[in-house]
Amino acid sequence: MDKNTWKCEKCGYTFESEATKPMPETCPSCKEKCEFLNVTCYVPECGLKGQDPRLG
């Protein structure tokens, strides 16, 4: 898997980035410093790509 899907824990903004790239210090959407949650799909039910719907 070469891309991960990340979600801002403050505003819910999601984006994909290369797995090797560092995370931004602030969210591109809300401009707040936040923790990004890895919501990448790792199971066959969601096609092993994009956001895992169970992690909403």
C-alpha atoms as a PDB file:
ATOM      1  CA  MET A   1       0.000   0.000   0.000  1.00  0.00           C
ATOM      2  CA  ASP A   2       1.595   3.255  -1.064  1.00  0.00           C
ATOM      3  CA  LYS A   3      -1.048   5.743   0.113  1.00  0.00           C
ATOM      4  CA  ASN A   4      -2.778   6.245   3.431  1.00  0.00           C
ATOM      5  CA  THR A   5      -6.063   8.009   4.131  1.00  0.00           C
ATOM      6  CA  TRP A   6      -5.985  10.443   7.050  1.00  0.00           C
ATOM      7  CA  LYS A   7      -8.757  12.217   8.966  1.00  0.00           C
ATOM      8  CA  CYS A   8      -8.445  15.382  11.065  1.00  0.00           C
ATOM      9  CA  GLU A   9      -9.629  14.588  14.580  1.00  0.00           C
ATOM     10  CA  LYS A  10     -11.028  18.123  14.979  1.00  0.00           C
ATOM     11  CA  CYS A  11     -12.980  18.852  11.784  1.00  0.00           C
ATOM     12  CA  GLY A  12     -13.218  15.451  10.052  1.00  0.00           C
ATOM     13  CA  TYR A  13     -11.414  16.534   6.863  1.00  0.00           C
ATOM     14  CA  THR A  14      -9.979  13.492   5.053  1.00  0.00           C
ATOM     15  CA  PHE A  15      -7.152  13.304   2.544  1.00  0.00           C
ATOM     16  CA  GLU A  16      -4.774  10.797   1.007  1.00  0.00           C
ATOM     17  CA  SER A  17      -1.017  11.105   1.171  1.00  0.00           C
ATOM     18  CA  GLU A  18       1.994   9.036   0.249  1.00  0.00           C
ATOM     19  CA  ALA A  19       2.804   6.619   3.066  1.00  0.00           C
ATOM     20  CA  THR A  20       6.351   7.967   3.324  1.00  0.00           C
ATOM     21  CA  LYS A  21       5.429  11.678   3.488  1.00  0.00           C
ATOM     22  CA  PRO A  22       5.375  13.407   6.882  1.00  0.00           C
ATOM     23  CA  MET A  23       2.041  14.661   8.169  1.00  0.00           C
ATOM     24  CA  PRO A  24       1.365  18.411   8.022  1.00  0.00           C
ATOM     25  CA  GLU A  25       1.517  20.282  11.326  1.00  0.00           C
ATOM     26  CA  THR A  26      -1.878  21.886  10.713  1.00  0.00           C
ATOM     27  CA  CYS A  27      -5.010  20.649   8.978  1.00  0.00           C
ATOM     28  CA  PRO A  28      -5.376  21.921   5.392  1.00  0.00           C
ATOM     29  CA  SER A  29      -9.085  22.527   6.028  1.00  0.00           C
ATOM     30  CA  CYS A  30      -9.566  23.970   9.532  1.00  0.00           C
ATOM     31  CA  LYS A  31      -5.992  25.329   9.855  1.00  0.00           C
ATOM     32  CA  GLU A  32      -5.811  23.993  13.426  1.00  0.00           C
ATOM     33  CA  LYS A  33      -2.984  21.950  14.869  1.00  0.00           C
ATOM     34  CA  CYS A  34      -4.484  18.503  15.309  1.00  0.00           C
ATOM     35  CA  GLU A  35      -3.871  14.792  15.379  1.00  0.00           C
ATOM     36  CA  PHE A  36      -4.510  12.934  12.137  1.00  0.00           C
ATOM     37  CA  LEU A  37      -6.173   9.540  12.469  1.00  0.00           C
ATOM     38  CA  ASN A  38      -5.246   6.792  10.016  1.00  0.00           C
ATOM     39  CA  VAL A  39      -8.582   5.686   8.499  1.00  0.00           C
ATOM     40  CA  THR A  40      -7.069   3.692   5.627  1.00  0.00           C
ATOM     41  CA  CYS A  41      -8.960   0.582   4.545  1.00  0.00           C
ATOM     42  CA  TYR A  42      -6.897  -2.540   5.250  1.00  0.00           C
ATOM     43  CA  VAL A  43      -9.660  -5.147   4.729  1.00  0.00           C
ATOM     44  CA  PRO A  44     -11.105  -6.729   1.567  1.00  0.00           C
ATOM     45  CA  GLU A  45     -14.656  -5.525   2.346  1.00  0.00           C
ATOM     46  CA  CYS A  46     -13.770  -1.978   1.288  1.00  0.00           C
ATOM     47  CA  GLY A  47     -11.369  -2.892  -1.485  1.00  0.00           C
ATOM     48  CA  LEU A  48      -8.117  -2.396   0.459  1.00  0.00           C
ATOM     49  CA  LYS A  49      -7.966   1.273  -0.567  1.00  0.00           C
ATOM     50  CA  GLY A  50      -9.430   4.608   0.455  1.00  0.00           C
ATOM     51  CA  GLN A  51     -11.245   5.209   3.724  1.00  0.00           C
ATOM     52  CA  ASP A  52     -12.563   2.363   5.814  1.00  0.00           C
ATOM     53  CA  PRO A  53     -16.299   3.162   6.252  1.00  0.00           C
ATOM     54  CA  ARG A  54     -16.252   1.599   9.729  1.00  0.00           C
ATOM     55  CA  LEU A  55     -13.923   4.396  10.875  1.00  0.00           C
ATOM     56  CA  GLY A  56     -16.267   7.063   9.547  1.00  0.00           C
END
